[in-house]
Amino acid sequence: MIRYLAFFTIGLILTGCATMDREECQLADWRSIGYEDGAKGRPLSYLGNHRKACAEHGVTPDMERYEEGRLAGLEEYCTPRKGFDLGKSGHKHNPVCSAPLAEAFREAWSNGAEVHAAKMQLQNSKQKLDRQRNLIETLQQQIEETEADLVKDGISSKRRKILLDELKVLGIDLEEAETELFEYQDRVDEDRDYLEQLENRYRY
């Protein structure tokens, strides 16, 4: 029973990895399949996945029809708009386009990647700003707690001196943190302005 379950599980895994099942292989319109793969930016080598899946069912892909469809699909994929969207969303450049579409596609992807990098920079600056605000809140809370300890009844002169020293240090730390806060805010504003400039510059 255990052995049967093991083989059944392996079969499910293999089936899940296959790009096409028996019926799809037997009824395949290889031009349409090629078009779909091309429109998704898949390389010609992706046909090997279909070949492997259909070999189990005794079907051989029609490579000529597949490539004909894939080339047509690539015309839909290899557009400046698509390249820009891919770059902007952080995807790597996909070198499946051929001349004369390749150059415009790559340039658009590069512009999109520039926008993506600017977004990541703004996000990073915002995170630093948030951490700085949290630091200031923590310091303010520590100052309030220390001040509360300072006015408690029965506090010794030695303890009072320690608390006063702590307040002095906390005050200096807070002043420095607030100065840095303005610097972080300026950086966020600069990064936001730069991102806006890029988004206005690149129109696809």
N, C-alpha and C. Protein backbone atom coordinates (compact mmCIF):
# COMPACT_ATOMS: atom_id res chain seq x y z
N MET A 1 0.83 -1.21 0.00
CA MET A 1 0.00 0.00 0.00
C MET A 1 0.87 1.26 0.00
N ILE A 2 1.88 1.24 0.86
CA ILE A 2 2.79 2.39 0.94
C ILE A 2 3.49 2.60 -0.40
N ARG A 3 3.93 1.48 -1.02
CA ARG A 3 4.61 1.57 -2.30
C ARG A 3 3.67 2.15 -3.36
N TYR A 4 2.40 1.75 -3.32
CA TYR A 4 1.43 2.26 -4.28
C TYR A 4 1.25 3.76 -4.12
N LEU A 5 1.13 4.20 -2.86
CA LEU A 5 0.96 5.63 -2.60
C LEU A 5 2.17 6.42 -3.07
N ALA A 6 3.36 5.85 -2.91
CA ALA A 6 4.58 6.53 -3.34
C ALA A 6 4.58 6.73 -4.84
N PHE A 7 4.24 5.66 -5.58
CA PHE A 7 4.20 5.77 -7.04
C PHE A 7 3.10 6.73 -7.49
N PHE A 8 1.96 6.72 -6.77
CA PHE A 8 0.86 7.60 -7.11
C PHE A 8 1.26 9.07 -6.93
N THR A 9 1.97 9.33 -5.83
CA THR A 9 2.43 10.69 -5.55
C THR A 9 3.41 11.17 -6.60
N ILE A 10 4.34 10.29 -6.97
CA ILE A 10 5.32 10.64 -8.01
C ILE A 10 4.60 10.92 -9.33
N GLY A 11 3.58 10.14 -9.62
CA GLY A 11 2.82 10.34 -10.85
C GLY A 11 2.14 11.69 -10.86
N LEU A 12 1.59 12.10 -9.71
CA LEU A 12 0.96 13.41 -9.62
C LEU A 12 1.96 14.52 -9.85
N ILE A 13 3.15 14.36 -9.27
CA ILE A 13 4.20 15.37 -9.43
C ILE A 13 4.60 15.51 -10.88
N LEU A 14 4.80 14.37 -11.54
CA LEU A 14 5.21 14.40 -12.94
C LEU A 14 4.12 15.01 -13.82
N THR A 15 2.87 14.66 -13.51
CA THR A 15 1.76 15.21 -14.28
C THR A 15 1.68 16.72 -14.09
N GLY A 16 1.93 17.18 -12.84
CA GLY A 16 1.88 18.60 -12.55
C GLY A 16 2.95 19.37 -13.28
N CYS A 17 4.08 18.72 -13.56
CA CYS A 17 5.19 19.39 -14.22
C CYS A 17 5.02 19.42 -15.73
N ALA A 18 4.19 18.54 -16.28
CA ALA A 18 4.03 18.44 -17.72
C ALA A 18 3.31 19.67 -18.25
N THR A 19 3.76 20.17 -19.40
CA THR A 19 3.13 21.36 -19.97
C THR A 19 1.83 21.03 -20.70
N MET A 20 1.68 19.76 -21.11
CA MET A 20 0.48 19.36 -21.84
C MET A 20 0.08 17.95 -21.43
N ASP A 21 -1.23 17.67 -21.44
CA ASP A 21 -1.69 16.32 -21.12
C ASP A 21 -1.96 15.55 -22.42
N ARG A 22 -2.48 14.33 -22.30
CA ARG A 22 -2.69 13.46 -23.47
C ARG A 22 -3.61 14.12 -24.50
N GLU A 23 -4.75 14.60 -24.05
CA GLU A 23 -5.73 15.18 -24.99
C GLU A 23 -5.16 16.41 -25.67
N GLU A 24 -4.47 17.24 -24.91
CA GLU A 24 -3.88 18.46 -25.49
C GLU A 24 -2.84 18.11 -26.55
N CYS A 25 -2.06 17.09 -26.29
CA CYS A 25 -1.05 16.67 -27.26
C CYS A 25 -1.68 16.12 -28.54
N GLN A 26 -2.73 15.32 -28.37
CA GLN A 26 -3.36 14.69 -29.52
C GLN A 26 -4.14 15.69 -30.38
N LEU A 27 -4.67 16.72 -29.75
CA LEU A 27 -5.48 17.70 -30.48
C LEU A 27 -4.73 19.00 -30.71
N ALA A 28 -3.43 18.98 -30.51
CA ALA A 28 -2.64 20.21 -30.50
C ALA A 28 -2.67 20.96 -31.82
N ASP A 29 -2.89 22.27 -31.72
CA ASP A 29 -2.69 23.19 -32.83
C ASP A 29 -1.35 23.86 -32.55
N TRP A 30 -0.30 23.35 -33.17
CA TRP A 30 1.05 23.77 -32.78
C TRP A 30 1.34 25.23 -33.12
N ARG A 31 0.64 25.76 -34.09
CA ARG A 31 0.83 27.18 -34.37
C ARG A 31 0.25 28.03 -33.23
N SER A 32 -0.92 27.64 -32.75
CA SER A 32 -1.55 28.37 -31.64
C SER A 32 -0.72 28.25 -30.36
N ILE A 33 -0.18 27.06 -30.14
CA ILE A 33 0.66 26.85 -28.96
C ILE A 33 1.92 27.70 -29.05
N GLY A 34 2.51 27.73 -30.25
CA GLY A 34 3.69 28.56 -30.46
C GLY A 34 3.38 30.03 -30.27
N TYR A 35 2.21 30.44 -30.76
CA TYR A 35 1.82 31.85 -30.60
C TYR A 35 1.68 32.21 -29.13
N GLU A 36 1.04 31.33 -28.37
CA GLU A 36 0.85 31.58 -26.95
C GLU A 36 2.19 31.68 -26.22
N ASP A 37 3.11 30.77 -26.55
CA ASP A 37 4.43 30.81 -25.91
C ASP A 37 5.20 32.06 -26.31
N GLY A 38 5.09 32.44 -27.57
CA GLY A 38 5.77 33.65 -28.03
C GLY A 38 5.23 34.88 -27.36
N ALA A 39 3.91 34.95 -27.21
CA ALA A 39 3.27 36.10 -26.57
C ALA A 39 3.65 36.21 -25.10
N LYS A 40 4.12 35.10 -24.53
CA LYS A 40 4.57 35.11 -23.13
C LYS A 40 6.09 35.29 -23.02
N GLY A 41 6.75 35.45 -24.18
CA GLY A 41 8.18 35.68 -24.17
C GLY A 41 9.01 34.45 -23.89
N ARG A 42 8.47 33.29 -24.20
CA ARG A 42 9.21 32.05 -23.94
C ARG A 42 10.21 31.79 -25.07
N PRO A 43 11.39 31.27 -24.72
CA PRO A 43 12.41 30.98 -25.74
C PRO A 43 12.03 29.75 -26.56
N LEU A 44 12.68 29.59 -27.70
CA LEU A 44 12.40 28.44 -28.56
C LEU A 44 12.66 27.13 -27.83
N SER A 45 13.60 27.14 -26.90
CA SER A 45 13.92 25.93 -26.15
C SER A 45 12.74 25.42 -25.32
N TYR A 46 11.74 26.30 -25.09
CA TYR A 46 10.57 25.87 -24.32
C TYR A 46 9.80 24.77 -25.03
N LEU A 47 9.97 24.68 -26.34
CA LEU A 47 9.33 23.61 -27.10
C LEU A 47 9.76 22.25 -26.58
N GLY A 48 10.97 22.17 -26.02
CA GLY A 48 11.45 20.91 -25.47
C GLY A 48 10.56 20.40 -24.35
N ASN A 49 9.93 21.30 -23.60
CA ASN A 49 9.00 20.88 -22.55
C ASN A 49 7.77 20.23 -23.15
N HIS A 50 7.27 20.81 -24.23
CA HIS A 50 6.11 20.22 -24.91
C HIS A 50 6.48 18.88 -25.53
N ARG A 51 7.69 18.82 -26.13
CA ARG A 51 8.14 17.59 -26.76
C ARG A 51 8.22 16.45 -25.73
N LYS A 52 8.75 16.79 -24.56
CA LYS A 52 8.89 15.78 -23.51
C LYS A 52 7.53 15.32 -23.01
N ALA A 53 6.62 16.30 -22.82
CA ALA A 53 5.28 15.95 -22.32
C ALA A 53 4.53 15.09 -23.32
N CYS A 54 4.62 15.42 -24.60
CA CYS A 54 3.85 14.70 -25.62
C CYS A 54 4.50 13.38 -26.03
N ALA A 55 5.79 13.23 -25.78
CA ALA A 55 6.47 11.98 -26.12
C ALA A 55 5.86 10.83 -25.34
N GLU A 56 5.38 11.11 -24.15
CA GLU A 56 4.76 10.06 -23.33
C GLU A 56 3.47 9.56 -23.95
N HIS A 57 2.90 10.35 -24.88
CA HIS A 57 1.64 9.98 -25.51
C HIS A 57 1.83 9.70 -27.00
N GLY A 58 3.09 9.54 -27.41
CA GLY A 58 3.39 9.18 -28.79
C GLY A 58 3.14 10.29 -29.79
N VAL A 59 3.20 11.55 -29.34
CA VAL A 59 2.95 12.69 -30.22
C VAL A 59 4.22 13.53 -30.34
N THR A 60 4.56 13.90 -31.58
CA THR A 60 5.73 14.74 -31.83
C THR A 60 5.27 16.13 -32.27
N PRO A 61 5.74 17.17 -31.64
CA PRO A 61 5.33 18.53 -32.03
C PRO A 61 5.72 18.86 -33.46
N ASP A 62 4.92 19.67 -34.11
CA ASP A 62 5.22 20.17 -35.45
C ASP A 62 6.05 21.44 -35.24
N MET A 63 7.36 21.30 -35.32
CA MET A 63 8.25 22.41 -34.99
C MET A 63 8.08 23.59 -35.93
N GLU A 64 7.85 23.30 -37.22
CA GLU A 64 7.70 24.38 -38.20
C GLU A 64 6.47 25.24 -37.87
N ARG A 65 5.36 24.58 -37.58
CA ARG A 65 4.14 25.30 -37.23
C ARG A 65 4.31 26.03 -35.90
N TYR A 66 4.97 25.37 -34.98
CA TYR A 66 5.20 25.97 -33.66
C TYR A 66 6.02 27.26 -33.78
N GLU A 67 7.11 27.18 -34.53
CA GLU A 67 7.98 28.34 -34.68
C GLU A 67 7.28 29.46 -35.44
N GLU A 68 6.45 29.09 -36.41
CA GLU A 68 5.68 30.09 -37.14
C GLU A 68 4.77 30.86 -36.18
N GLY A 69 4.09 30.12 -35.31
CA GLY A 69 3.20 30.75 -34.33
C GLY A 69 3.98 31.54 -33.29
N ARG A 70 5.09 31.00 -32.87
CA ARG A 70 5.89 31.68 -31.83
C ARG A 70 6.40 33.02 -32.33
N LEU A 71 6.86 33.08 -33.57
CA LEU A 71 7.35 34.33 -34.14
C LEU A 71 6.24 35.38 -34.19
N ALA A 72 5.02 34.91 -34.51
CA ALA A 72 3.88 35.83 -34.53
C ALA A 72 3.57 36.31 -33.11
N GLY A 73 3.68 35.40 -32.14
CA GLY A 73 3.44 35.76 -30.75
C GLY A 73 4.47 36.73 -30.21
N LEU A 74 5.70 36.58 -30.66
CA LEU A 74 6.77 37.47 -30.21
C LEU A 74 6.53 38.91 -30.66
N GLU A 75 5.84 39.08 -31.79
CA GLU A 75 5.52 40.43 -32.23
C GLU A 75 4.61 41.12 -31.23
N GLU A 76 3.78 40.34 -30.56
CA GLU A 76 2.91 40.89 -29.51
C GLU A 76 3.71 41.15 -28.23
N TYR A 77 4.68 40.28 -27.96
CA TYR A 77 5.48 40.40 -26.74
C TYR A 77 6.55 41.49 -26.88
N CYS A 78 7.22 41.53 -27.99
CA CYS A 78 8.40 42.39 -28.17
C CYS A 78 8.02 43.82 -28.52
N THR A 79 7.23 44.44 -27.67
CA THR A 79 6.83 45.83 -27.86
C THR A 79 7.51 46.69 -26.80
N PRO A 80 7.74 47.96 -27.10
CA PRO A 80 8.32 48.85 -26.10
C PRO A 80 7.50 48.88 -24.81
N ARG A 81 6.18 48.87 -24.95
CA ARG A 81 5.33 48.92 -23.76
C ARG A 81 5.56 47.71 -22.86
N LYS A 82 5.66 46.53 -23.47
CA LYS A 82 5.89 45.30 -22.71
C LYS A 82 7.26 45.34 -22.05
N GLY A 83 8.27 45.77 -22.81
CA GLY A 83 9.61 45.86 -22.26
C GLY A 83 9.66 46.81 -21.08
N PHE A 84 9.01 47.96 -21.22
CA PHE A 84 8.98 48.94 -20.13
C PHE A 84 8.30 48.38 -18.90
N ASP A 85 7.16 47.73 -19.10
CA ASP A 85 6.43 47.16 -17.95
C ASP A 85 7.25 46.10 -17.23
N LEU A 86 7.97 45.28 -17.99
CA LEU A 86 8.81 44.25 -17.38
C LEU A 86 9.93 44.88 -16.57
N GLY A 87 10.59 45.87 -17.14
CA GLY A 87 11.67 46.55 -16.42
C GLY A 87 11.16 47.26 -15.19
N LYS A 88 10.01 47.91 -15.32
CA LYS A 88 9.43 48.66 -14.20
C LYS A 88 9.02 47.75 -13.05
N SER A 89 8.64 46.53 -13.37
CA SER A 89 8.22 45.58 -12.33
C SER A 89 9.38 44.78 -11.77
N GLY A 90 10.60 45.05 -12.26
CA GLY A 90 11.78 44.41 -11.68
C GLY A 90 12.18 43.11 -12.33
N HIS A 91 11.59 42.76 -13.48
CA HIS A 91 11.97 41.54 -14.17
C HIS A 91 13.29 41.74 -14.94
N LYS A 92 14.05 40.66 -15.06
CA LYS A 92 15.28 40.72 -15.83
C LYS A 92 14.96 40.84 -17.32
N HIS A 93 15.93 41.35 -18.06
CA HIS A 93 15.75 41.47 -19.50
C HIS A 93 15.66 40.08 -20.11
N ASN A 94 14.66 39.88 -20.96
CA ASN A 94 14.42 38.59 -21.59
C ASN A 94 14.84 38.69 -23.06
N PRO A 95 16.00 38.17 -23.43
CA PRO A 95 16.54 38.35 -24.79
C PRO A 95 15.96 37.40 -25.82
N VAL A 96 14.65 37.48 -26.02
CA VAL A 96 14.01 36.60 -27.01
C VAL A 96 13.64 37.35 -28.28
N CYS A 97 13.74 38.65 -28.26
CA CYS A 97 13.34 39.45 -29.42
C CYS A 97 14.48 39.53 -30.43
N SER A 98 14.11 39.57 -31.68
CA SER A 98 15.11 39.71 -32.75
C SER A 98 14.91 41.05 -33.44
N ALA A 99 15.90 41.45 -34.24
CA ALA A 99 15.83 42.72 -34.96
C ALA A 99 14.61 42.70 -35.89
N PRO A 100 13.95 43.82 -36.10
CA PRO A 100 14.28 45.16 -35.57
C PRO A 100 13.62 45.47 -34.24
N LEU A 101 12.93 44.48 -33.62
CA LEU A 101 12.19 44.74 -32.39
C LEU A 101 13.08 44.75 -31.16
N ALA A 102 14.20 44.06 -31.23
CA ALA A 102 15.03 43.85 -30.04
C ALA A 102 15.55 45.15 -29.44
N GLU A 103 16.03 46.06 -30.29
CA GLU A 103 16.66 47.28 -29.78
C GLU A 103 15.65 48.16 -29.03
N ALA A 104 14.48 48.35 -29.60
CA ALA A 104 13.46 49.18 -28.96
C ALA A 104 12.96 48.53 -27.68
N PHE A 105 12.84 47.19 -27.71
CA PHE A 105 12.38 46.45 -26.53
C PHE A 105 13.37 46.60 -25.39
N ARG A 106 14.65 46.43 -25.68
CA ARG A 106 15.67 46.52 -24.64
C ARG A 106 15.77 47.95 -24.08
N GLU A 107 15.68 48.93 -24.95
CA GLU A 107 15.75 50.32 -24.49
C GLU A 107 14.58 50.63 -23.55
N ALA A 108 13.40 50.16 -23.93
CA ALA A 108 12.22 50.39 -23.09
C ALA A 108 12.36 49.65 -21.77
N TRP A 109 12.88 48.42 -21.82
CA TRP A 109 13.10 47.67 -20.58
C TRP A 109 14.09 48.42 -19.69
N SER A 110 15.15 48.97 -20.28
CA SER A 110 16.15 49.71 -19.52
C SER A 110 15.53 50.93 -18.84
N ASN A 111 14.64 51.62 -19.56
CA ASN A 111 13.95 52.77 -18.96
C ASN A 111 13.05 52.33 -17.82
N GLY A 112 12.37 51.22 -18.02
CA GLY A 112 11.52 50.68 -16.95
C GLY A 112 12.33 50.27 -15.74
N ALA A 113 13.50 49.66 -16.00
CA ALA A 113 14.37 49.25 -14.90
C ALA A 113 14.87 50.46 -14.12
N GLU A 114 15.06 51.57 -14.81
CA GLU A 114 15.49 52.81 -14.13
C GLU A 114 14.39 53.30 -13.19
N VAL A 115 13.15 53.21 -13.64
CA VAL A 115 12.02 53.59 -12.79
C VAL A 115 11.92 52.65 -11.58
N HIS A 116 12.12 51.37 -11.85
CA HIS A 116 12.06 50.38 -10.76
C HIS A 116 13.13 50.68 -9.71
N ALA A 117 14.34 50.98 -10.14
CA ALA A 117 15.42 51.29 -9.22
C ALA A 117 15.09 52.53 -8.39
N ALA A 118 14.48 53.53 -9.04
CA ALA A 118 14.09 54.75 -8.32
C ALA A 118 13.02 54.45 -7.28
N LYS A 119 12.10 53.55 -7.62
CA LYS A 119 11.07 53.16 -6.66
C LYS A 119 11.67 52.46 -5.46
N MET A 120 12.62 51.57 -5.73
CA MET A 120 13.28 50.85 -4.64
C MET A 120 14.07 51.81 -3.75
N GLN A 121 14.69 52.81 -4.37
CA GLN A 121 15.43 53.82 -3.61
C GLN A 121 14.49 54.62 -2.72
N LEU A 122 13.35 55.02 -3.25
CA LEU A 122 12.36 55.75 -2.46
C LEU A 122 11.85 54.89 -1.32
N GLN A 123 11.58 53.63 -1.60
CA GLN A 123 11.10 52.73 -0.56
C GLN A 123 12.14 52.58 0.56
N ASN A 124 13.40 52.46 0.16
CA ASN A 124 14.47 52.33 1.13
C ASN A 124 14.59 53.59 2.00
N SER A 125 14.47 54.75 1.38
CA SER A 125 14.55 56.01 2.11
C SER A 125 13.37 56.15 3.08
N LYS A 126 12.19 55.73 2.64
CA LYS A 126 11.01 55.78 3.51
C LYS A 126 11.20 54.88 4.73
N GLN A 127 11.78 53.71 4.52
CA GLN A 127 12.01 52.79 5.63
C GLN A 127 12.99 53.39 6.64
N LYS A 128 14.03 54.05 6.14
CA LYS A 128 14.98 54.71 7.04
C LYS A 128 14.30 55.84 7.81
N LEU A 129 13.43 56.57 7.13
CA LEU A 129 12.70 57.65 7.79
C LEU A 129 11.80 57.10 8.89
N ASP A 130 11.12 56.00 8.61
CA ASP A 130 10.24 55.37 9.61
C ASP A 130 11.05 54.89 10.81
N ARG A 131 12.21 54.29 10.54
CA ARG A 131 13.04 53.81 11.65
C ARG A 131 13.52 54.99 12.50
N GLN A 132 13.82 56.11 11.85
CA GLN A 132 14.27 57.29 12.58
C GLN A 132 13.14 57.85 13.45
N ARG A 133 11.94 57.84 12.94
CA ARG A 133 10.79 58.29 13.72
C ARG A 133 10.57 57.38 14.93
N ASN A 134 10.72 56.09 14.72
CA ASN A 134 10.58 55.14 15.83
C ASN A 134 11.65 55.37 16.89
N LEU A 135 12.87 55.68 16.42
CA LEU A 135 13.96 55.96 17.35
C LEU A 135 13.63 57.18 18.20
N ILE A 136 13.10 58.22 17.57
CA ILE A 136 12.75 59.44 18.30
C ILE A 136 11.65 59.16 19.32
N GLU A 137 10.66 58.37 18.93
CA GLU A 137 9.59 58.02 19.86
C GLU A 137 10.14 57.24 21.06
N THR A 138 11.09 56.34 20.78
CA THR A 138 11.70 55.56 21.86
C THR A 138 12.49 56.46 22.81
N LEU A 139 13.26 57.39 22.26
CA LEU A 139 14.03 58.32 23.08
C LEU A 139 13.11 59.21 23.91
N GLN A 140 12.04 59.68 23.29
CA GLN A 140 11.09 60.53 24.03
C GLN A 140 10.45 59.77 25.18
N GLN A 141 10.13 58.51 24.92
CA GLN A 141 9.55 57.68 25.97
C GLN A 141 10.55 57.45 27.10
N GLN A 142 11.80 57.20 26.74
CA GLN A 142 12.84 57.00 27.76
C GLN A 142 13.05 58.26 28.59
N ILE A 143 12.98 59.41 27.95
CA ILE A 143 13.12 60.67 28.68
C ILE A 143 11.98 60.85 29.66
N GLU A 144 10.75 60.56 29.20
CA GLU A 144 9.59 60.69 30.08
C GLU A 144 9.70 59.75 31.29
N GLU A 145 10.13 58.52 31.03
CA GLU A 145 10.28 57.55 32.12
C GLU A 145 11.36 57.98 33.10
N THR A 146 12.45 58.50 32.56
CA THR A 146 13.56 58.94 33.41
C THR A 146 13.14 60.15 34.24
N GLU A 147 12.41 61.07 33.64
CA GLU A 147 11.91 62.23 34.37
C GLU A 147 10.95 61.81 35.47
N ALA A 148 10.13 60.79 35.19
CA ALA A 148 9.20 60.29 36.20
C ALA A 148 9.96 59.67 37.37
N ASP A 149 11.03 58.95 37.08
CA ASP A 149 11.85 58.37 38.15
C ASP A 149 12.53 59.45 38.97
N LEU A 150 12.84 60.55 38.32
CA LEU A 150 13.59 61.62 38.97
C LEU A 150 12.77 62.32 40.05
N VAL A 151 11.46 62.35 39.91
CA VAL A 151 10.61 63.06 40.86
C VAL A 151 9.95 62.12 41.88
N LYS A 152 10.35 60.87 41.87
CA LYS A 152 9.79 59.94 42.84
C LYS A 152 10.26 60.28 44.25
N ASP A 153 9.43 59.96 45.21
CA ASP A 153 9.78 60.21 46.62
C ASP A 153 10.88 59.25 47.07
N GLY A 154 11.72 59.74 47.97
CA GLY A 154 12.73 58.89 48.59
C GLY A 154 13.91 58.56 47.71
N ILE A 155 14.10 59.27 46.60
CA ILE A 155 15.24 58.98 45.73
C ILE A 155 16.51 59.52 46.35
N SER A 156 17.57 58.75 46.27
CA SER A 156 18.84 59.17 46.86
C SER A 156 19.54 60.17 45.95
N SER A 157 20.44 60.94 46.52
CA SER A 157 21.20 61.92 45.74
C SER A 157 22.06 61.23 44.69
N LYS A 158 22.58 60.05 45.03
CA LYS A 158 23.40 59.30 44.07
C LYS A 158 22.57 58.86 42.88
N ARG A 159 21.37 58.36 43.18
CA ARG A 159 20.47 57.91 42.12
C ARG A 159 20.02 59.10 41.28
N ARG A 160 19.78 60.24 41.93
CA ARG A 160 19.35 61.43 41.23
C ARG A 160 20.42 61.88 40.23
N LYS A 161 21.66 61.83 40.66
CA LYS A 161 22.76 62.22 39.77
C LYS A 161 22.83 61.31 38.55
N ILE A 162 22.64 60.02 38.80
CA ILE A 162 22.67 59.06 37.67
C ILE A 162 21.56 59.37 36.68
N LEU A 163 20.37 59.65 37.19
CA LEU A 163 19.23 59.95 36.32
C LEU A 163 19.44 61.25 35.55
N LEU A 164 20.03 62.24 36.23
CA LEU A 164 20.31 63.51 35.54
C LEU A 164 21.32 63.32 34.41
N ASP A 165 22.31 62.49 34.66
CA ASP A 165 23.30 62.19 33.62
C ASP A 165 22.63 61.46 32.44
N GLU A 166 21.73 60.54 32.78
CA GLU A 166 21.01 59.80 31.74
C GLU A 166 20.14 60.75 30.90
N LEU A 167 19.48 61.69 31.59
CA LEU A 167 18.65 62.67 30.89
C LEU A 167 19.49 63.52 29.94
N LYS A 168 20.67 63.88 30.38
CA LYS A 168 21.55 64.69 29.55
C LYS A 168 21.94 63.94 28.28
N VAL A 169 22.31 62.68 28.45
CA VAL A 169 22.69 61.86 27.30
C VAL A 169 21.50 61.64 26.36
N LEU A 170 20.34 61.34 26.96
CA LEU A 170 19.14 61.12 26.15
C LEU A 170 18.75 62.39 25.39
N GLY A 171 18.93 63.53 26.02
CA GLY A 171 18.62 64.79 25.37
C GLY A 171 19.50 65.04 24.16
N ILE A 172 20.80 64.73 24.33
CA ILE A 172 21.74 64.88 23.21
C ILE A 172 21.37 63.92 22.08
N ASP A 173 21.06 62.67 22.46
CA ASP A 173 20.69 61.67 21.45
C ASP A 173 19.42 62.10 20.70
N LEU A 174 18.47 62.65 21.44
CA LEU A 174 17.21 63.08 20.82
C LEU A 174 17.46 64.24 19.86
N GLU A 175 18.29 65.18 20.26
CA GLU A 175 18.59 66.32 19.40
C GLU A 175 19.25 65.87 18.10
N GLU A 176 20.20 64.94 18.21
CA GLU A 176 20.87 64.42 17.02
C GLU A 176 19.90 63.65 16.13
N ALA A 177 19.02 62.86 16.78
CA ALA A 177 18.06 62.07 16.02
C ALA A 177 17.08 62.96 15.27
N GLU A 178 16.67 64.06 15.90
CA GLU A 178 15.73 64.98 15.24
C GLU A 178 16.41 65.70 14.06
N THR A 179 17.69 66.01 14.21
CA THR A 179 18.43 66.62 13.10
C THR A 179 18.52 65.65 11.92
N GLU A 180 18.82 64.38 12.23
CA GLU A 180 18.91 63.36 11.19
C GLU A 180 17.54 63.11 10.55
N LEU A 181 16.49 63.28 11.34
CA LEU A 181 15.14 63.08 10.82
C LEU A 181 14.87 64.02 9.65
N PHE A 182 15.26 65.27 9.79
CA PHE A 182 15.07 66.24 8.71
C PHE A 182 15.88 65.84 7.48
N GLU A 183 17.07 65.27 7.70
CA GLU A 183 17.89 64.83 6.57
C GLU A 183 17.22 63.67 5.85
N TYR A 184 16.67 62.74 6.62
CA TYR A 184 15.97 61.60 6.01
C TYR A 184 14.73 62.07 5.26
N GLN A 185 14.02 63.03 5.82
CA GLN A 185 12.83 63.56 5.15
C GLN A 185 13.20 64.24 3.84
N ASP A 186 14.30 65.00 3.86
CA ASP A 186 14.77 65.65 2.62
C ASP A 186 15.12 64.60 1.57
N ARG A 187 15.72 63.50 2.02
CA ARG A 187 16.10 62.45 1.08
C ARG A 187 14.87 61.80 0.47
N VAL A 188 13.86 61.59 1.28
CA VAL A 188 12.61 61.02 0.76
C VAL A 188 11.98 61.95 -0.27
N ASP A 189 11.97 63.24 0.03
CA ASP A 189 11.41 64.21 -0.91
C ASP A 189 12.19 64.23 -2.22
N GLU A 190 13.51 64.17 -2.13
CA GLU A 190 14.34 64.16 -3.33
C GLU A 190 14.09 62.90 -4.16
N ASP A 191 14.02 61.75 -3.48
CA ASP A 191 13.78 60.49 -4.19
C ASP A 191 12.40 60.48 -4.82
N ARG A 192 11.41 61.04 -4.14
CA ARG A 192 10.05 61.10 -4.70
C ARG A 192 10.01 62.00 -5.93
N ASP A 193 10.70 63.12 -5.86
CA ASP A 193 10.74 64.04 -7.01
C ASP A 193 11.44 63.39 -8.20
N TYR A 194 12.52 62.66 -7.92
CA TYR A 194 13.26 62.00 -9.00
C TYR A 194 12.40 60.92 -9.67
N LEU A 195 11.68 60.16 -8.86
CA LEU A 195 10.80 59.13 -9.41
C LEU A 195 9.72 59.76 -10.27
N GLU A 196 9.16 60.85 -9.80
CA GLU A 196 8.12 61.54 -10.57
C GLU A 196 8.67 62.05 -11.89
N GLN A 197 9.89 62.55 -11.88
CA GLN A 197 10.52 63.02 -13.12
C GLN A 197 10.68 61.89 -14.12
N LEU A 198 11.12 60.72 -13.64
CA LEU A 198 11.30 59.58 -14.53
C LEU A 198 9.96 59.12 -15.11
N GLU A 199 8.94 59.05 -14.26
CA GLU A 199 7.63 58.60 -14.73
C GLU A 199 7.05 59.58 -15.74
N ASN A 200 7.35 60.85 -15.60
CA ASN A 200 6.89 61.83 -16.58
C ASN A 200 7.72 61.78 -17.86
N ARG A 201 8.98 61.37 -17.72
CA ARG A 201 9.88 61.32 -18.89
C ARG A 201 9.55 60.14 -19.78
N TYR A 202 9.24 59.00 -19.17
CA TYR A 202 9.02 57.78 -19.96
C TYR A 202 7.53 57.53 -20.11
N ARG A 203 7.04 57.72 -21.30
CA ARG A 203 5.64 57.49 -21.62
C ARG A 203 5.52 56.39 -22.67
N TYR A 204 4.93 55.28 -22.30
CA TYR A 204 4.78 54.16 -23.23
C TYR A 204 3.32 53.75 -23.32
